[in-house]
């Protein structure tokens, strides 16, 4: 037989439940980096569309919309930023991306973006190479680069 629960206990339980639900979006947003695509300001690119960014990083085109050569910089294969970037923009997980690049590399058509160890290295490469383009957590961006695209779900 069920034990009766007082109304005060029910209110406390409901309150804890609502607080837990309210905290879930905060926990998720704290875990996921706020990604941005960055370029060197000297390249003259003010903005990249999602489609242009995907085309550059998937090797469809290796030029900016102006026709200037683009050098895409990937983060390390194990990084959360890389996982999030390809899921949001290309709708592919990392294993799909590995298969994609294996096929293209084997065919000799194009090679994958140059991979670096972390966001700071990617930032430095973009700051020091006018043709480089990379995605990083917004928190590491400084005045040496320009944000060309905000990557959001």
Protein backbone atom coordinates (compact mmCIF):
# COMPACT_ATOMS: atom_id res chain seq x y z
CA UNK A 1 0.00 0.00 0.00
CA UNK A 2 1.30 3.48 -0.88
CA UNK A 3 2.42 5.79 1.89
CA UNK A 4 0.77 9.22 1.82
CA UNK A 5 3.14 12.09 0.97
CA UNK A 6 2.55 15.47 2.52
CA UNK A 7 1.88 18.46 0.31
CA UNK A 8 5.06 20.14 1.62
CA UNK A 9 7.16 17.17 0.48
CA UNK A 10 5.50 17.23 -2.94
CA UNK A 11 6.27 20.93 -3.31
CA UNK A 12 9.95 20.39 -2.36
CA UNK A 13 10.25 17.51 -4.83
CA UNK A 14 8.59 19.53 -7.60
CA UNK A 15 10.85 22.49 -6.83
CA UNK A 16 14.01 20.38 -7.07
CA UNK A 17 12.76 18.84 -10.31
CA UNK A 18 12.09 22.27 -11.85
CA UNK A 19 15.53 23.55 -10.76
CA UNK A 20 17.17 20.51 -12.34
CA UNK A 21 15.28 21.07 -15.59
CA UNK A 22 16.17 24.75 -15.62
CA UNK A 23 19.88 23.95 -15.15
CA UNK A 24 20.08 21.51 -18.07
CA UNK A 25 20.42 24.13 -20.85
CA UNK A 26 23.11 25.90 -18.82
CA UNK A 27 25.09 22.69 -18.37
CA UNK A 28 24.82 21.92 -22.08
CA UNK A 29 25.86 25.39 -23.22
CA UNK A 30 28.81 25.43 -20.81
CA UNK A 31 30.07 22.14 -22.24
CA UNK A 32 29.71 23.08 -25.91
CA UNK A 33 32.13 25.70 -27.22
CA UNK A 34 30.73 28.75 -29.03
CA UNK A 35 32.41 28.17 -32.39
CA UNK A 36 33.39 30.87 -34.85
CA UNK A 37 35.18 30.72 -38.20
CA UNK A 38 38.12 33.10 -38.32
CA UNK A 39 40.15 34.63 -41.15
CA UNK A 40 43.10 36.97 -41.42
CA UNK A 41 41.81 40.56 -41.75
CA UNK A 42 44.26 41.22 -44.63
CA UNK A 43 42.41 38.74 -46.91
CA UNK A 44 39.50 41.18 -47.20
CA UNK A 45 36.81 38.61 -46.38
CA UNK A 46 34.13 40.23 -44.25
CA UNK A 47 31.78 37.26 -44.01
CA UNK A 48 31.57 33.60 -45.05
CA UNK A 49 28.25 31.82 -45.46
CA UNK A 50 27.70 28.38 -43.98
CA UNK A 51 27.77 26.92 -47.51
CA UNK A 52 31.06 28.67 -48.41
CA UNK A 53 32.63 27.45 -45.17
CA UNK A 54 31.50 23.86 -45.73
CA UNK A 55 32.77 23.96 -49.33
CA UNK A 56 36.21 25.14 -48.18
CA UNK A 57 36.53 22.61 -45.33
CA UNK A 58 35.22 19.67 -47.39
CA UNK A 59 37.61 20.42 -50.23
CA UNK A 60 34.91 21.29 -52.78
CA UNK A 61 36.55 24.66 -53.30
CA UNK A 62 39.84 25.82 -51.90
CA UNK A 63 39.22 29.49 -52.55
CA UNK A 64 37.46 32.29 -50.74
CA UNK A 65 34.46 33.83 -52.55
CA UNK A 66 36.86 36.46 -53.97
CA UNK A 67 38.83 33.68 -55.72
CA UNK A 68 41.87 33.93 -53.42
CA UNK A 69 43.37 30.59 -52.28
CA UNK A 70 42.07 29.35 -48.89
CA UNK A 71 44.07 27.20 -46.49
CA UNK A 72 41.62 25.49 -44.11
CA UNK A 73 42.94 24.60 -40.66
CA UNK A 74 41.33 21.72 -38.73
CA UNK A 75 41.66 21.13 -35.02
CA UNK A 76 42.86 17.83 -33.58
CA UNK A 77 40.67 14.83 -34.37
CA UNK A 78 39.87 14.33 -30.67
CA UNK A 79 38.77 17.92 -30.01
CA UNK A 80 35.19 18.77 -29.05
CA UNK A 81 35.36 21.77 -31.38
CA UNK A 82 36.10 19.60 -34.41
CA UNK A 83 33.26 17.21 -33.55
CA UNK A 84 30.82 20.10 -33.10
CA UNK A 85 31.99 21.94 -36.25
CA UNK A 86 31.40 19.01 -38.60
CA UNK A 87 28.13 18.00 -36.95
CA UNK A 88 26.70 21.51 -37.19
CA UNK A 89 27.95 22.49 -40.64
CA UNK A 90 28.37 19.28 -42.60
CA UNK A 91 25.91 17.14 -40.59
CA UNK A 92 28.57 14.43 -40.31
CA UNK A 93 30.22 12.84 -37.32
CA UNK A 94 33.98 12.29 -37.11
CA UNK A 95 33.85 8.72 -38.41
CA UNK A 96 31.88 9.92 -41.46
CA UNK A 97 34.49 12.63 -42.01
CA UNK A 98 37.34 10.10 -41.77
CA UNK A 99 35.64 7.93 -44.40
CA UNK A 100 34.98 10.99 -46.58
CA UNK A 101 38.63 12.04 -46.51
CA UNK A 102 39.89 8.49 -47.03
CA UNK A 103 37.86 8.24 -50.27
CA UNK A 104 38.98 11.66 -51.56
CA UNK A 105 42.61 11.15 -50.60
CA UNK A 106 42.68 7.72 -52.25
CA UNK A 107 41.22 9.16 -55.45
CA UNK A 108 43.90 11.85 -55.44
CA UNK A 109 41.37 14.64 -55.81
CA UNK A 110 42.09 16.67 -52.71
CA UNK A 111 43.68 16.38 -49.29
CA UNK A 112 42.04 17.12 -45.93
CA UNK A 113 42.55 20.42 -44.12
CA UNK A 114 45.82 20.84 -42.26
CA UNK A 115 45.27 19.72 -38.64
CA UNK A 116 46.79 21.45 -35.62
CA UNK A 117 46.89 20.46 -31.97
CA UNK A 118 44.71 23.18 -30.47
CA UNK A 119 42.75 26.39 -30.96
CA UNK A 120 45.66 28.64 -29.94
CA UNK A 121 47.82 27.14 -32.69
CA UNK A 122 44.98 27.59 -35.21
CA UNK A 123 44.56 31.20 -34.11
CA UNK A 124 48.29 31.88 -34.52
CA UNK A 125 48.31 30.28 -37.98
CA UNK A 126 45.39 32.43 -39.16
CA UNK A 127 46.95 35.55 -37.66
CA UNK A 128 50.26 34.85 -39.45
CA UNK A 129 48.97 33.48 -42.78
CA UNK A 130 46.71 35.65 -44.92
CA UNK A 131 45.16 32.60 -46.65
CA UNK A 132 44.36 30.56 -43.54
CA UNK A 133 40.84 29.96 -42.28
CA UNK A 134 39.98 28.04 -39.09
CA UNK A 135 37.23 27.38 -36.58
CA UNK A 136 37.86 27.98 -32.89
CA UNK A 137 36.03 28.58 -29.65
CA UNK A 138 35.03 32.26 -29.52
CA UNK A 139 36.79 32.54 -26.14
CA UNK A 140 40.26 32.33 -27.75
CA UNK A 141 39.68 34.94 -30.48
CA UNK A 142 41.76 38.10 -30.28
CA UNK A 143 42.24 41.25 -32.36
CA UNK A 144 44.68 39.63 -34.81
CA UNK A 145 41.87 37.81 -36.66
CA UNK A 146 38.38 38.54 -37.98
CA UNK A 147 35.29 36.46 -37.25
CA UNK A 148 33.78 35.54 -40.61
CA UNK A 149 31.00 33.22 -39.39
CA UNK A 150 29.29 32.39 -36.11
CA UNK A 151 28.63 28.63 -36.05
CA UNK A 152 25.38 27.96 -34.24
CA UNK A 153 22.94 25.07 -34.20
